[in-house]
Amino acid sequence: MLNRRKFLAGTGAAALGALVLPKAASAFLMEAGRHPLGVQLFTLFGVIEADVKGNLKKIADIGYTEIESAFSKLPHYYSMSPKEFAVTCKDLGLSWKSHHVLGAPFKLPKGTKLPKGMTLPPHMANLKDDMQQLVDEAAEGGIPYLVCANIPTETLDEIKESIEILNKAGEACKKAKMQLCYHNHDMEFKEVEGKVPYHLMLDGMDANLVKMELDLCWVTKAGVNPVDLFKAHPGRFPLLHVKDLDKERKGPAPVGDGVVDFKNIFAHVKEAGAKHYFVEHDMPPDAFVSLATSYKNLRAMGV
């Protein structure tokens, strides 16, 4: 499964107006003690590039107040320097909290292919080969978190090397006054020689240097209860990808439209140590309709 690596397709936002909550309503909800909600910008991959500032404003207009960035079709940080991107977000009332990077040179999981027409640059910066560059750039933007979006875990040797890379990167992040986190897909829960990679990573990585960003869609797809992870590793999950799994259990859905047990998960966020919630939907037919639906449903849940 390509998950976050696939291209986003589809255009149009005919239903957006009916779903968007005005900024005044968002402010009222925040004053009422609701948690800030953020967006992982991979949701807009293939869309944000046409008008970065305009699309960020649409995110803010829905009511979101935090941003987690990722790679895009544009160079650097959406064609900006880290400082420029931070200022752009701030001017729109958005707080840039986190950025996603690769852990090692890009590698397709076994049995998968790139979508038709999709090409990759000859080199994508990664923590294995370009660690200090990526840490320095993120630190320039003043963000508190740097997140490894994925790293090879298909063999025990890969897992061992990945743990070493992440511990080293975690130390570099600490020196730069940032926290490194690791973001999962479902592949980390598939046994390798009788062992679960995610468990090996949790045990092998320094708990202070490397914390976790739990993707609620993919962990649910893997058949793992997020609350069990929270209880086994309290305080290890400062970031959550608030993403639903469709009813066919094949892929992402707008939050509240799928099978993820958000009620139970959000009842245990203190145990998890969760501080930031980033809504994400890989390859939605319409990114802004999905984001508006997710925002509306989360607020209806009391989040």
C-alpha atoms as a PDB file:
ATOM      1  CA  MET A   1       0.000   0.000   0.000  1.00  0.00           C
ATOM      2  CA  LEU A   2       1.383   3.380  -0.984  1.00  0.00           C
ATOM      3  CA  ASN A   3      -0.676   5.333   1.565  1.00  0.00           C
ATOM      4  CA  ARG A   4       0.807   8.840   1.806  1.00  0.00           C
ATOM      5  CA  ARG A   5       2.952   8.390  -1.295  1.00  0.00           C
ATOM      6  CA  LYS A   6       0.067   8.307  -3.784  1.00  0.00           C
ATOM      7  CA  PHE A   7      -1.059  11.289  -5.793  1.00  0.00           C
ATOM      8  CA  LEU A   8      -4.174  13.187  -4.798  1.00  0.00           C
ATOM      9  CA  ALA A   9      -6.834  13.274  -7.487  1.00  0.00           C
ATOM     10  CA  GLY A  10     -10.087  15.131  -7.886  1.00  0.00           C
ATOM     11  CA  THR A  11     -11.218  18.751  -7.903  1.00  0.00           C
ATOM     12  CA  GLY A  12     -14.180  20.934  -6.937  1.00  0.00           C
ATOM     13  CA  ALA A  13     -15.625  21.991  -3.599  1.00  0.00           C
ATOM     14  CA  ALA A  14     -19.317  22.402  -4.239  1.00  0.00           C
ATOM     15  CA  ALA A  15     -20.357  21.186  -0.804  1.00  0.00           C
ATOM     16  CA  LEU A  16     -17.764  23.122   1.169  1.00  0.00           C
ATOM     17  CA  GLY A  17     -19.867  26.159   1.967  1.00  0.00           C
ATOM     18  CA  ALA A  18     -22.486  24.153   3.823  1.00  0.00           C
ATOM     19  CA  LEU A  19     -19.889  22.504   6.044  1.00  0.00           C
ATOM     20  CA  VAL A  20     -17.481  25.303   6.919  1.00  0.00           C
ATOM     21  CA  LEU A  21     -17.754  26.778  10.403  1.00  0.00           C
ATOM     22  CA  PRO A  22     -17.046  30.521  10.514  1.00  0.00           C
ATOM     23  CA  LYS A  23     -14.035  31.811  12.432  1.00  0.00           C
ATOM     24  CA  ALA A  24     -16.291  33.356  15.067  1.00  0.00           C
ATOM     25  CA  ALA A  25     -17.828  29.960  15.816  1.00  0.00           C
ATOM     26  CA  SER A  26     -14.345  28.413  15.955  1.00  0.00           C
ATOM     27  CA  ALA A  27     -13.217  31.062  18.466  1.00  0.00           C
ATOM     28  CA  PHE A  28     -16.282  30.406  20.601  1.00  0.00           C
ATOM     29  CA  LEU A  29     -15.568  26.673  20.626  1.00  0.00           C
ATOM     30  CA  MET A  30     -11.948  27.252  21.609  1.00  0.00           C
ATOM     31  CA  GLU A  31     -13.023  29.483  24.478  1.00  0.00           C
ATOM     32  CA  ALA A  32     -15.355  26.693  25.565  1.00  0.00           C
ATOM     33  CA  GLY A  33     -12.323  24.468  26.133  1.00  0.00           C
ATOM     34  CA  ARG A  34     -12.187  22.551  22.860  1.00  0.00           C
ATOM     35  CA  HIS A  35      -8.773  21.326  21.755  1.00  0.00           C
ATOM     36  CA  PRO A  36      -6.957  23.084  18.881  1.00  0.00           C
ATOM     37  CA  LEU A  37      -7.218  21.099  15.661  1.00  0.00           C
ATOM     38  CA  GLY A  38      -4.537  20.949  12.985  1.00  0.00           C
ATOM     39  CA  VAL A  39      -4.125  19.724   9.419  1.00  0.00           C
ATOM     40  CA  GLN A  40      -1.412  17.525   7.931  1.00  0.00           C
ATOM     41  CA  LEU A  41      -0.814  19.230   4.586  1.00  0.00           C
ATOM     42  CA  PHE A  42      -0.277  15.945   2.740  1.00  0.00           C
ATOM     43  CA  THR A  43      -4.081  16.013   2.599  1.00  0.00           C
ATOM     44  CA  LEU A  44      -3.657  18.776   0.002  1.00  0.00           C
ATOM     45  CA  PHE A  45      -0.871  17.099  -1.997  1.00  0.00           C
ATOM     46  CA  GLY A  46      -1.346  18.064  -5.629  1.00  0.00           C
ATOM     47  CA  VAL A  47      -3.798  20.812  -4.636  1.00  0.00           C
ATOM     48  CA  ILE A  48      -1.925  23.200  -2.350  1.00  0.00           C
ATOM     49  CA  GLU A  49       0.751  23.871  -4.962  1.00  0.00           C
ATOM     50  CA  ALA A  50      -1.547  25.977  -7.164  1.00  0.00           C
ATOM     51  CA  ASP A  51      -2.072  28.640  -4.475  1.00  0.00           C
ATOM     52  CA  VAL A  52      -0.246  27.962  -1.220  1.00  0.00           C
ATOM     53  CA  LYS A  53      -1.408  31.043   0.695  1.00  0.00           C
ATOM     54  CA  GLY A  54      -4.941  30.836  -0.635  1.00  0.00           C
ATOM     55  CA  ASN A  55      -5.266  27.180   0.318  1.00  0.00           C
ATOM     56  CA  LEU A  56      -3.814  27.758   3.774  1.00  0.00           C
ATOM     57  CA  LYS A  57      -6.418  30.485   4.242  1.00  0.00           C
ATOM     58  CA  LYS A  58      -9.156  27.983   3.341  1.00  0.00           C
ATOM     59  CA  ILE A  59      -7.825  25.716   6.097  1.00  0.00           C
ATOM     60  CA  ALA A  60      -7.945  28.574   8.589  1.00  0.00           C
ATOM     61  CA  ASP A  61     -11.445  29.558   7.460  1.00  0.00           C
ATOM     62  CA  ILE A  62     -12.718  26.083   8.314  1.00  0.00           C
ATOM     63  CA  GLY A  63     -11.518  26.628  11.882  1.00  0.00           C
ATOM     64  CA  TYR A  64      -8.203  24.780  12.015  1.00  0.00           C
ATOM     65  CA  THR A  65      -5.431  26.591  13.884  1.00  0.00           C
ATOM     66  CA  GLU A  66      -2.379  24.305  13.578  1.00  0.00           C
ATOM     67  CA  ILE A  67      -0.336  22.999  10.656  1.00  0.00           C
ATOM     68  CA  GLU A  68       1.884  19.990  10.045  1.00  0.00           C
ATOM     69  CA  SER A  69       3.792  20.291   6.758  1.00  0.00           C
ATOM     70  CA  ALA A  70       5.113  17.589   4.442  1.00  0.00           C
ATOM     71  CA  PHE A  71       6.818  17.244   1.073  1.00  0.00           C
ATOM     72  CA  SER A  72       4.974  18.586  -1.971  1.00  0.00           C
ATOM     73  CA  LYS A  73       5.518  19.057  -5.691  1.00  0.00           C
ATOM     74  CA  LEU A  74       7.132  22.401  -4.882  1.00  0.00           C
ATOM     75  CA  PRO A  75      10.764  22.751  -3.739  1.00  0.00           C
ATOM     76  CA  HIS A  76      11.740  23.542  -0.168  1.00  0.00           C
ATOM     77  CA  TYR A  77       8.784  24.423   2.081  1.00  0.00           C
ATOM     78  CA  TYR A  78       6.112  24.988  -0.559  1.00  0.00           C
ATOM     79  CA  SER A  79       8.576  27.231  -2.481  1.00  0.00           C
ATOM     80  CA  MET A  80       9.452  29.152   0.679  1.00  0.00           C
ATOM     81  CA  SER A  81      12.280  29.125   3.178  1.00  0.00           C
ATOM     82  CA  PRO A  82      11.372  27.735   6.617  1.00  0.00           C
ATOM     83  CA  LYS A  83      11.203  31.262   8.056  1.00  0.00           C
ATOM     84  CA  GLU A  84       9.006  32.476   5.199  1.00  0.00           C
ATOM     85  CA  PHE A  85       6.618  29.566   5.609  1.00  0.00           C
ATOM     86  CA  ALA A  86       6.393  30.162   9.363  1.00  0.00           C
ATOM     87  CA  VAL A  87       5.530  33.829   8.784  1.00  0.00           C
ATOM     88  CA  THR A  88       2.956  32.915   6.129  1.00  0.00           C
ATOM     89  CA  CYS A  89       1.193  30.559   8.540  1.00  0.00           C
ATOM     90  CA  LYS A  90       1.308  33.082  11.388  1.00  0.00           C
ATOM     91  CA  ASP A  91      -0.169  35.844   9.225  1.00  0.00           C
ATOM     92  CA  LEU A  92      -3.139  33.563   8.529  1.00  0.00           C
ATOM     93  CA  GLY A  93      -3.693  32.716  12.194  1.00  0.00           C
ATOM     94  CA  LEU A  94      -2.099  29.273  11.846  1.00  0.00           C
ATOM     95  CA  SER A  95       0.572  27.858  14.154  1.00  0.00           C
ATOM     96  CA  TRP A  96       3.155  25.673  12.377  1.00  0.00           C
ATOM     97  CA  LYS A  97       3.925  22.829  14.776  1.00  0.00           C
ATOM     98  CA  SER A  98       5.532  19.985  12.870  1.00  0.00           C
ATOM     99  CA  HIS A  99       7.158  18.841   9.621  1.00  0.00           C
ATOM    100  CA  HIS A 100       7.423  15.400   8.000  1.00  0.00           C
ATOM    101  CA  VAL A 101      10.624  14.031   6.461  1.00  0.00           C
ATOM    102  CA  LEU A 102      11.748  10.658   5.136  1.00  0.00           C
ATOM    103  CA  GLY A 103      13.838   8.414   7.363  1.00  0.00           C
ATOM    104  CA  ALA A 104      15.873   6.787   4.610  1.00  0.00           C
ATOM    105  CA  PRO A 105      16.023   6.755   0.791  1.00  0.00           C
ATOM    106  CA  PHE A 106      12.537   6.110  -0.569  1.00  0.00           C
ATOM    107  CA  LYS A 107      11.697   2.423  -0.945  1.00  0.00           C
ATOM    108  CA  LEU A 108       8.435   0.958  -2.151  1.00  0.00           C
ATOM    109  CA  PRO A 109       6.989  -1.744   0.128  1.00  0.00           C
ATOM    110  CA  LYS A 110       6.935  -5.228  -1.360  1.00  0.00           C
ATOM    111  CA  GLY A 111       4.120  -5.840  -3.818  1.00  0.00           C
ATOM    112  CA  THR A 112       3.419  -2.168  -4.536  1.00  0.00           C
ATOM    113  CA  LYS A 113       3.966   0.016  -7.586  1.00  0.00           C
ATOM    114  CA  LEU A 114       3.965   3.711  -8.197  1.00  0.00           C
ATOM    115  CA  PRO A 115       0.663   5.027  -9.567  1.00  0.00           C
ATOM    116  CA  LYS A 116       0.566   5.507 -13.330  1.00  0.00           C
ATOM    117  CA  GLY A 117       2.244   8.752 -14.296  1.00  0.00           C
ATOM    118  CA  MET A 118       3.872   9.265 -10.894  1.00  0.00           C
ATOM    119  CA  THR A 119       7.588   9.982 -10.842  1.00  0.00           C
ATOM    120  CA  LEU A 120       9.972  10.734  -8.002  1.00  0.00           C
ATOM    121  CA  PRO A 121      12.956  13.095  -7.943  1.00  0.00           C
ATOM    122  CA  PRO A 122      16.348  11.376  -8.144  1.00  0.00           C
ATOM    123  CA  HIS A 123      16.985  12.197  -4.492  1.00  0.00           C
ATOM    124  CA  MET A 124      14.622  13.075  -1.681  1.00  0.00           C
ATOM    125  CA  ALA A 125      16.348  14.341   1.448  1.00  0.00           C
ATOM    126  CA  ASN A 126      16.191  11.826   4.301  1.00  0.00           C
ATOM    127  CA  LEU A 127      17.477  11.404   7.847  1.00  0.00           C
ATOM    128  CA  LYS A 128      19.934   8.678   6.907  1.00  0.00           C
ATOM    129  CA  ASP A 129      21.788  10.747   4.317  1.00  0.00           C
ATOM    130  CA  ASP A 130      20.835  14.362   5.075  1.00  0.00           C
ATOM    131  CA  MET A 131      20.072  14.419   8.801  1.00  0.00           C
ATOM    132  CA  GLN A 132      21.751  17.664   9.821  1.00  0.00           C
ATOM    133  CA  GLN A 133      20.373  19.546   6.824  1.00  0.00           C
ATOM    134  CA  LEU A 134      16.808  18.499   7.634  1.00  0.00           C
ATOM    135  CA  VAL A 135      17.204  19.269  11.341  1.00  0.00           C
ATOM    136  CA  ASP A 136      18.747  22.683  10.662  1.00  0.00           C
ATOM    137  CA  GLU A 137      16.010  23.639   8.200  1.00  0.00           C
ATOM    138  CA  ALA A 138      13.225  22.657  10.581  1.00  0.00           C
ATOM    139  CA  ALA A 139      14.911  24.469  13.444  1.00  0.00           C
ATOM    140  CA  GLU A 140      15.122  27.601  11.265  1.00  0.00           C
ATOM    141  CA  GLY A 141      11.337  27.505  11.035  1.00  0.00           C
ATOM    142  CA  GLY A 142      11.036  27.438  14.821  1.00  0.00           C
ATOM    143  CA  ILE A 143       8.839  24.356  14.973  1.00  0.00           C
ATOM    144  CA  PRO A 144       8.785  22.117  18.069  1.00  0.00           C
ATOM    145  CA  TYR A 145       8.481  18.754  16.251  1.00  0.00           C
ATOM    146  CA  LEU A 146      10.212  16.980  13.383  1.00  0.00           C
ATOM    147  CA  VAL A 147       8.549  13.728  12.297  1.00  0.00           C
ATOM    148  CA  CYS A 148       9.950  10.768  10.399  1.00  0.00           C
ATOM    149  CA  ALA A 149       7.127   9.935   8.001  1.00  0.00           C
ATOM    150  CA  ASN A 150       8.348   6.413   7.195  1.00  0.00           C
ATOM    151  CA  ILE A 151      11.447   4.229   7.298  1.00  0.00           C
ATOM    152  CA  PRO A 152      12.169   0.645   6.117  1.00  0.00           C
ATOM    153  CA  THR A 153      10.938  -2.105   8.474  1.00  0.00           C
ATOM    154  CA  GLU A 154      10.612  -5.189   6.259  1.00  0.00           C
ATOM    155  CA  THR A 155      13.582  -7.122   7.701  1.00  0.00           C
ATOM    156  CA  LEU A 156      15.204  -7.320  11.128  1.00  0.00           C
ATOM    157  CA  ASP A 157      18.349  -5.726   9.702  1.00  0.00           C
ATOM    158  CA  GLU A 158      16.300  -2.825   8.343  1.00  0.00           C
ATOM    159  CA  ILE A 159      14.571  -2.398  11.682  1.00  0.00           C
ATOM    160  CA  LYS A 160      17.910  -2.363  13.528  1.00  0.00           C
ATOM    161  CA  GLU A 161      19.346   0.239  11.162  1.00  0.00           C
ATOM    162  CA  SER A 162      16.173   2.330  11.331  1.00  0.00           C
ATOM    163  CA  ILE A 163      16.317   2.398  15.134  1.00  0.00           C
ATOM    164  CA  GLU A 164      19.933   3.582  14.948  1.00  0.00           C
ATOM    165  CA  ILE A 165      19.050   6.317  12.433  1.00  0.00           C
ATOM    166  CA  LEU A 166      16.147   7.558  14.522  1.00  0.00           C
ATOM    167  CA  ASN A 167      18.085   7.600  17.799  1.00  0.00           C
ATOM    168  CA  LYS A 168      20.849   9.586  16.104  1.00  0.00           C
ATOM    169  CA  ALA A 169      18.342  12.000  14.556  1.00  0.00           C
ATOM    170  CA  GLY A 170      16.570  12.308  17.893  1.00  0.00           C
ATOM    171  CA  GLU A 171      19.806  13.447  19.514  1.00  0.00           C
ATOM    172  CA  ALA A 172      20.325  16.039  16.760  1.00  0.00           C
ATOM    173  CA  CYS A 173      16.770  17.285  17.223  1.00  0.00           C
ATOM    174  CA  LYS A 174      17.265  17.572  20.977  1.00  0.00           C
ATOM    175  CA  LYS A 175      20.338  19.764  20.427  1.00  0.00           C
ATOM    176  CA  ALA A 176      18.219  21.944  18.131  1.00  0.00           C
ATOM    177  CA  LYS A 177      15.477  22.180  20.792  1.00  0.00           C
ATOM    178  CA  MET A 178      13.035  20.019  18.824  1.00  0.00           C
ATOM    179  CA  GLN A 179      11.396  16.671  19.525  1.00  0.00           C
ATOM    180  CA  LEU A 180      11.708  13.885  16.957  1.00  0.00           C
ATOM    181  CA  CYS A 181       8.667  11.647  16.475  1.00  0.00           C
ATOM    182  CA  TYR A 182       7.996   8.586  14.323  1.00  0.00           C
ATOM    183  CA  HIS A 183       4.838   8.261  12.224  1.00  0.00           C
ATOM    184  CA  ASN A 184       3.455   4.787  11.521  1.00  0.00           C
ATOM    185  CA  HIS A 185       1.576   3.146   8.695  1.00  0.00           C
ATOM    186  CA  ASP A 186       0.150  -0.368   9.046  1.00  0.00           C
ATOM    187  CA  MET A 187       3.320  -2.078   7.805  1.00  0.00           C
ATOM    188  CA  GLU A 188       5.096  -1.627  11.173  1.00  0.00           C
ATOM    189  CA  PHE A 189       2.569  -4.006  12.745  1.00  0.00           C
ATOM    190  CA  LYS A 190       3.199  -6.880  10.297  1.00  0.00           C
ATOM    191  CA  GLU A 191       5.379  -9.503  11.935  1.00  0.00           C
ATOM    192  CA  VAL A 192       8.959  -9.944  10.754  1.00  0.00           C
ATOM    193  CA  GLU A 193      10.409 -13.292  11.809  1.00  0.00           C
ATOM    194  CA  GLY A 194       7.863 -13.499  14.610  1.00  0.00           C
ATOM    195  CA  LYS A 195       8.475  -9.971  15.898  1.00  0.00           C
ATOM    196  CA  VAL A 196       6.387  -6.816  15.485  1.00  0.00           C
ATOM    197  CA  PRO A 197       8.522  -3.950  14.108  1.00  0.00           C
ATOM    198  CA  TYR A 198       6.574  -1.254  15.967  1.00  0.00           C
ATOM    199  CA  HIS A 199       7.196  -2.964  19.298  1.00  0.00           C
ATOM    200  CA  LEU A 200      10.885  -3.389  18.495  1.00  0.00           C
ATOM    201  CA  MET A 201      11.071   0.303  17.636  1.00  0.00           C
ATOM    202  CA  LEU A 202       9.325   1.404  20.817  1.00  0.00           C
ATOM    203  CA  ASP A 203      11.697  -0.725  22.876  1.00  0.00           C
ATOM    204  CA  GLY A 204      14.855   0.092  20.910  1.00  0.00           C
ATOM    205  CA  MET A 205      14.474   3.846  20.522  1.00  0.00           C
ATOM    206  CA  ASP A 206      15.332   6.168  23.399  1.00  0.00           C
ATOM    207  CA  ALA A 207      11.937   7.195  24.820  1.00  0.00           C
ATOM    208  CA  ASN A 208      13.145  10.744  25.409  1.00  0.00           C
ATOM    209  CA  LEU A 209      14.828  11.208  22.043  1.00  0.00           C
ATOM    210  CA  VAL A 210      12.154   9.595  19.850  1.00  0.00           C
ATOM    211  CA  LYS A 211       8.466   9.817  20.600  1.00  0.00           C
ATOM    212  CA  MET A 212       5.591   8.729  18.369  1.00  0.00           C
ATOM    213  CA  GLU A 213       2.982  10.270  16.130  1.00  0.00           C
ATOM    214  CA  LEU A 214       0.265   7.622  16.081  1.00  0.00           C
ATOM    215  CA  ASP A 215      -1.746   7.426  12.873  1.00  0.00           C
ATOM    216  CA  LEU A 216      -5.173   6.297  14.068  1.00  0.00           C
ATOM    217  CA  CYS A 217      -6.287   5.070  10.644  1.00  0.00           C
ATOM    218  CA  TRP A 218      -3.349   2.790   9.942  1.00  0.00           C
ATOM    219  CA  VAL A 219      -3.048   1.416  13.466  1.00  0.00           C
ATOM    220  CA  THR A 220      -6.762   0.531  13.352  1.00  0.00           C
ATOM    221  CA  LYS A 221      -6.321  -1.087   9.932  1.00  0.00           C
ATOM    222  CA  ALA A 222      -3.534  -3.193  11.447  1.00  0.00           C
ATOM    223  CA  GLY A 223      -6.020  -4.495  14.028  1.00  0.00           C
ATOM    224  CA  VAL A 224      -4.323  -2.792  16.978  1.00  0.00           C
ATOM    225  CA  ASN A 225      -6.207  -0.837  19.627  1.00  0.00           C
ATOM    226  CA  PRO A 226      -4.490   2.560  20.079  1.00  0.00           C
ATOM    227  CA  VAL A 227      -5.524   2.657  23.738  1.00  0.00           C
ATOM    228  CA  ASP A 228      -3.514  -0.505  24.410  1.00  0.00           C
ATOM    229  CA  LEU A 229      -0.432   1.297  23.072  1.00  0.00           C
ATOM    230  CA  PHE A 230      -1.176   4.341  25.237  1.00  0.00           C
ATOM    231  CA  LYS A 231      -1.396   2.140  28.333  1.00  0.00           C
ATOM    232  CA  ALA A 232       1.776   0.223  27.504  1.00  0.00           C
ATOM    233  CA  HIS A 233       3.776   3.369  26.702  1.00  0.00           C
ATOM    234  CA  PRO A 234       2.206   6.293  28.587  1.00  0.00           C
ATOM    235  CA  GLY A 235       3.325   9.751  27.526  1.00  0.00           C
ATOM    236  CA  ARG A 236       5.028   8.459  24.366  1.00  0.00           C
ATOM    237  CA  PHE A 237       2.477   9.863  21.876  1.00  0.00           C
ATOM    238  CA  PRO A 238       2.543  13.697  21.778  1.00  0.00           C
ATOM    239  CA  LEU A 239       1.166  13.807  18.225  1.00  0.00           C
ATOM    240  CA  LEU A 240      -1.866  12.091  16.703  1.00  0.00           C
ATOM    241  CA  HIS A 241      -2.897  11.751  13.083  1.00  0.00           C
ATOM    242  CA  VAL A 242      -6.646  12.009  13.469  1.00  0.00           C
ATOM    243  CA  LYS A 243      -7.666  10.005  10.442  1.00  0.00           C
ATOM    244  CA  ASP A 244     -10.553   7.598   9.942  1.00  0.00           C
ATOM    245  CA  LEU A 245     -10.616   4.212   8.202  1.00  0.00           C
ATOM    246  CA  ASP A 246     -13.426   3.621   5.727  1.00  0.00           C
ATOM    247  CA  LYS A 247     -16.089   1.028   6.497  1.00  0.00           C
ATOM    248  CA  GLU A 248     -14.539  -1.419   4.023  1.00  0.00           C
ATOM    249  CA  ARG A 249     -11.292  -1.077   6.037  1.00  0.00           C
ATOM    250  CA  LYS A 250      -9.327  -0.345   2.864  1.00  0.00           C
ATOM    251  CA  GLY A 251      -8.168   3.232   3.334  1.00  0.00           C
ATOM    252  CA  PRO A 252      -8.760   6.681   4.837  1.00  0.00           C
ATOM    253  CA  ALA A 253     -12.112   8.438   5.219  1.00  0.00           C
ATOM    254  CA  PRO A 254     -13.221  11.792   6.639  1.00  0.00           C
ATOM    255  CA  VAL A 255     -13.153  11.706  10.437  1.00  0.00           C
ATOM    256  CA  GLY A 256     -16.458  10.378  11.748  1.00  0.00           C
ATOM    257  CA  ASP A 257     -17.407   8.606   8.516  1.00  0.00           C
ATOM    258  CA  GLY A 258     -15.452   5.410   9.178  1.00  0.00           C
ATOM    259  CA  VAL A 259     -14.771   2.766  11.823  1.00  0.00           C
ATOM    260  CA  VAL A 260     -12.098   4.288  14.104  1.00  0.00           C
ATOM    261  CA  ASP A 261     -13.272   4.367  17.732  1.00  0.00           C
ATOM    262  CA  PHE A 262     -12.513   8.036  18.384  1.00  0.00           C
ATOM    263  CA  LYS A 263     -14.665   8.174  21.519  1.00  0.00           C
ATOM    264  CA  ASN A 264     -12.518   5.611  23.283  1.00  0.00           C
ATOM    265  CA  ILE A 265      -9.273   7.051  21.919  1.00  0.00           C
ATOM    266  CA  PHE A 266     -10.002  10.619  23.023  1.00  0.00           C
ATOM    267  CA  ALA A 267     -10.992   9.361  26.462  1.00  0.00           C
ATOM    268  CA  HIS A 268      -7.340   8.277  26.906  1.00  0.00           C
ATOM    269  CA  VAL A 269      -5.398  11.149  25.315  1.00  0.00           C
ATOM    270  CA  LYS A 270      -3.951  12.281  28.656  1.00  0.00           C
ATOM    271  CA  GLU A 271      -2.490   8.829  29.170  1.00  0.00           C
ATOM    272  CA  ALA A 272      -1.041   9.011  25.657  1.00  0.00           C
ATOM    273  CA  GLY A 273       0.520  12.390  26.353  1.00  0.00           C
ATOM    274  CA  ALA A 274      -1.161  13.730  23.202  1.00  0.00           C
ATOM    275  CA  LYS A 275      -0.708  17.463  22.648  1.00  0.00           C
ATOM    276  CA  HIS A 276      -1.477  18.059  18.963  1.00  0.00           C
ATOM    277  CA  TYR A 277      -4.151  16.549  16.707  1.00  0.00           C
ATOM    278  CA  PHE A 278      -3.539  16.695  12.956  1.00  0.00           C
ATOM    279  CA  VAL A 279      -6.418  15.730  10.687  1.00  0.00           C
ATOM    280  CA  GLU A 280      -5.273  13.912   7.565  1.00  0.00           C
ATOM    281  CA  HIS A 281      -7.007  12.230   4.645  1.00  0.00           C
ATOM    282  CA  ASP A 282      -4.779  10.664   2.004  1.00  0.00           C
ATOM    283  CA  MET A 283      -6.052  11.290  -1.532  1.00  0.00           C
ATOM    284  CA  PRO A 284      -9.610  12.457  -0.804  1.00  0.00           C
ATOM    285  CA  PRO A 285     -11.881  13.195  -3.794  1.00  0.00           C
ATOM    286  CA  ASP A 286     -12.064  16.757  -2.459  1.00  0.00           C
ATOM    287  CA  ALA A 287      -9.603  17.814   0.231  1.00  0.00           C
ATOM    288  CA  PHE A 288     -11.559  20.778   1.569  1.00  0.00           C
ATOM    289  CA  VAL A 289     -14.877  18.969   1.779  1.00  0.00           C
ATOM    290  CA  SER A 290     -13.138  16.187   3.708  1.00  0.00           C
ATOM    291  CA  LEU A 291     -11.393  18.636   6.049  1.00  0.00           C
ATOM    292  CA  ALA A 292     -14.618  20.519   6.710  1.00  0.00           C
ATOM    293  CA  THR A 293     -16.490  17.279   7.400  1.00  0.00           C
ATOM    294  CA  SER A 294     -13.760  16.106   9.768  1.00  0.00           C
ATOM    295  CA  TYR A 295     -13.743  19.422  11.628  1.00  0.00           C
ATOM    296  CA  LYS A 296     -17.527  19.446  12.004  1.00  0.00           C
ATOM    297  CA  ASN A 297     -17.603  15.826  13.215  1.00  0.00           C
ATOM    298  CA  LEU A 298     -14.752  16.285  15.701  1.00  0.00           C
ATOM    299  CA  ARG A 299     -16.400  19.313  17.249  1.00  0.00           C
ATOM    300  CA  ALA A 300     -19.674  17.363  17.438  1.00  0.00           C
ATOM    301  CA  MET A 301     -17.761  14.663  19.340  1.00  0.00           C
ATOM    302  CA  GLY A 302     -16.712  17.295  21.850  1.00  0.00           C
ATOM    303  CA  VAL A 303     -13.068  17.316  20.781  1.00  0.00           C
END
